[in-house]
C-alpha cells in the first residue's frame, strides 16, 4: 500500500447572489438610460411607475396590521394587571424572568 492521500475534490463555486444583484442593477440602469435617451418624459414616467409598483407590492406584504386583535381571554391574570406577585422564576433564556401573579378565584355570578 502506498502512503499517498487522495486529492481532495475541489468545491465548485457558483455565482453568488451579490453578483446576480449587481448584474440586475446594471441592466436596470441601461434600460433607464435608454428610456431617458428616447425621451426625458418617458424616462421619468418609467421611474415613477416602477416606484409605484414597488410601493404597492410593499404595502400588500404588510397584511397583519389590518387584522383585528384576538378576543380577550377569560380568567387569565397577567402580571402587569396586578401588584401581587406569587413567585419569580429565572427563565430559560439569558435575562428572561417569569413572574407568576397571585390568582384570586372569584365565583361567577
Protein backbone atom coordinates (compact mmCIF):
# COMPACT_ATOMS: atom_id res chain seq x y z
CA UNK A 1 0.00 0.00 0.00
CA UNK A 2 1.23 3.41 -0.78
CA UNK A 3 1.07 6.22 1.75
CA UNK A 4 -0.39 8.60 -0.79
CA UNK A 5 -3.50 10.53 0.01
CA UNK A 6 -6.26 11.03 -2.44
CA UNK A 7 -6.53 14.62 -3.57
CA UNK A 8 -9.48 16.41 -2.03
CA UNK A 9 -12.17 17.24 -4.56
CA UNK A 10 -12.30 20.93 -5.25
CA UNK A 11 -15.53 22.63 -4.41
CA UNK A 12 -17.16 24.37 -7.31
CA UNK A 13 -18.14 27.90 -6.54
CA UNK A 14 -21.27 29.03 -8.28
CA UNK A 15 -22.15 32.62 -8.99
CA UNK A 16 -23.04 34.48 -5.84
CA UNK A 17 -26.30 36.27 -5.20
CA UNK A 18 -24.43 39.56 -4.91
CA UNK A 19 -23.04 39.17 -8.43
CA UNK A 20 -26.54 38.44 -9.76
CA UNK A 21 -27.89 41.51 -7.99
CA UNK A 22 -25.15 43.66 -9.48
CA UNK A 23 -25.97 42.37 -12.97
CA UNK A 24 -29.66 43.19 -12.47
CA UNK A 25 -28.85 46.70 -11.24
CA UNK A 26 -26.63 47.33 -14.26
CA UNK A 27 -29.30 46.03 -16.65
CA UNK A 28 -31.95 48.20 -14.99
CA UNK A 29 -29.63 51.20 -15.31
CA UNK A 30 -29.15 50.52 -19.02
CA UNK A 31 -32.92 50.27 -19.55
CA UNK A 32 -33.49 53.56 -17.70
CA UNK A 33 -30.71 55.23 -19.70
CA UNK A 34 -32.28 54.06 -22.97
CA UNK A 35 -35.69 55.34 -21.86
CA UNK A 36 -34.21 58.74 -20.97
CA UNK A 37 -32.40 58.79 -24.33
CA UNK A 38 -35.67 58.17 -26.17
CA UNK A 39 -37.47 60.94 -24.32
CA UNK A 40 -36.96 62.52 -20.92
CA UNK A 41 -40.67 62.29 -20.10
CA UNK A 42 -40.71 58.56 -20.88
CA UNK A 43 -37.77 58.01 -18.53
CA UNK A 44 -39.40 59.97 -15.72
CA UNK A 45 -42.71 58.14 -16.18
CA UNK A 46 -40.93 54.77 -16.14
CA UNK A 47 -39.08 55.58 -12.90
CA UNK A 48 -42.28 56.87 -11.25
CA UNK A 49 -44.23 53.82 -12.45
CA UNK A 50 -41.65 51.38 -11.09
CA UNK A 51 -41.69 53.28 -7.80
CA UNK A 52 -45.48 52.98 -7.54
CA UNK A 53 -45.35 49.25 -8.31
CA UNK A 54 -42.69 48.73 -5.63
CA UNK A 55 -44.72 50.73 -3.11
CA UNK A 56 -47.87 48.74 -3.93
CA UNK A 57 -46.09 45.39 -3.51
CA UNK A 58 -44.57 46.51 -0.20
CA UNK A 59 -47.96 47.63 1.08
CA UNK A 60 -49.57 44.30 0.15
CA UNK A 61 -46.96 42.37 2.16
CA UNK A 62 -47.93 44.15 5.38
CA UNK A 63 -51.28 42.47 5.87
CA UNK A 64 -51.03 41.71 9.61
CA UNK A 65 -51.54 45.33 10.65
CA UNK A 66 -55.14 45.42 9.47
CA UNK A 67 -56.14 42.20 11.24
CA UNK A 68 -58.39 42.65 14.29
CA UNK A 69 -56.86 41.83 17.67
CA UNK A 70 -57.72 38.48 19.22
CA UNK A 71 -60.61 38.45 21.71
CA UNK A 72 -59.62 38.80 25.35
CA UNK A 73 -59.31 35.51 27.19
CA UNK A 74 -61.40 35.00 30.30
CA UNK A 75 -59.93 34.14 33.67
CA UNK A 76 -56.34 34.96 32.73
CA UNK A 77 -54.45 37.25 35.07
CA UNK A 78 -51.38 38.95 33.69
CA UNK A 79 -48.53 40.13 35.88
CA UNK A 80 -48.95 43.67 34.55
CA UNK A 81 -52.57 43.73 35.79
CA UNK A 82 -51.78 43.06 39.44
CA UNK A 83 -49.36 44.32 42.05
CA UNK A 84 -49.11 41.00 43.92
CA UNK A 85 -46.55 38.50 42.63
CA UNK A 86 -46.62 34.95 43.99
CA UNK A 87 -43.17 33.93 42.81
CA UNK A 88 -40.39 34.92 40.42
CA UNK A 89 -38.55 32.30 38.36
CA UNK A 90 -35.48 32.61 36.16
CA UNK A 91 -36.43 31.74 32.59
CA UNK A 92 -34.66 29.52 30.09
CA UNK A 93 -33.19 32.40 28.09
CA UNK A 94 -30.50 34.83 29.11
CA UNK A 95 -32.03 37.72 31.04
CA UNK A 96 -35.50 36.16 30.97
CA UNK A 97 -37.60 36.33 34.11
CA UNK A 98 -41.03 34.75 34.61
CA UNK A 99 -43.43 36.43 37.04
CA UNK A 100 -46.31 34.39 38.47
CA UNK A 101 -49.12 36.67 39.72
CA UNK A 102 -51.34 35.77 42.67
CA UNK A 103 -54.55 34.23 41.36
CA UNK A 104 -57.72 35.13 43.09
CA UNK A 105 -60.62 32.80 42.39
CA UNK A 106 -64.00 34.51 42.25
CA UNK A 107 -67.36 32.91 41.85
CA UNK A 108 -69.06 33.83 38.59
CA UNK A 109 -72.47 35.39 39.03
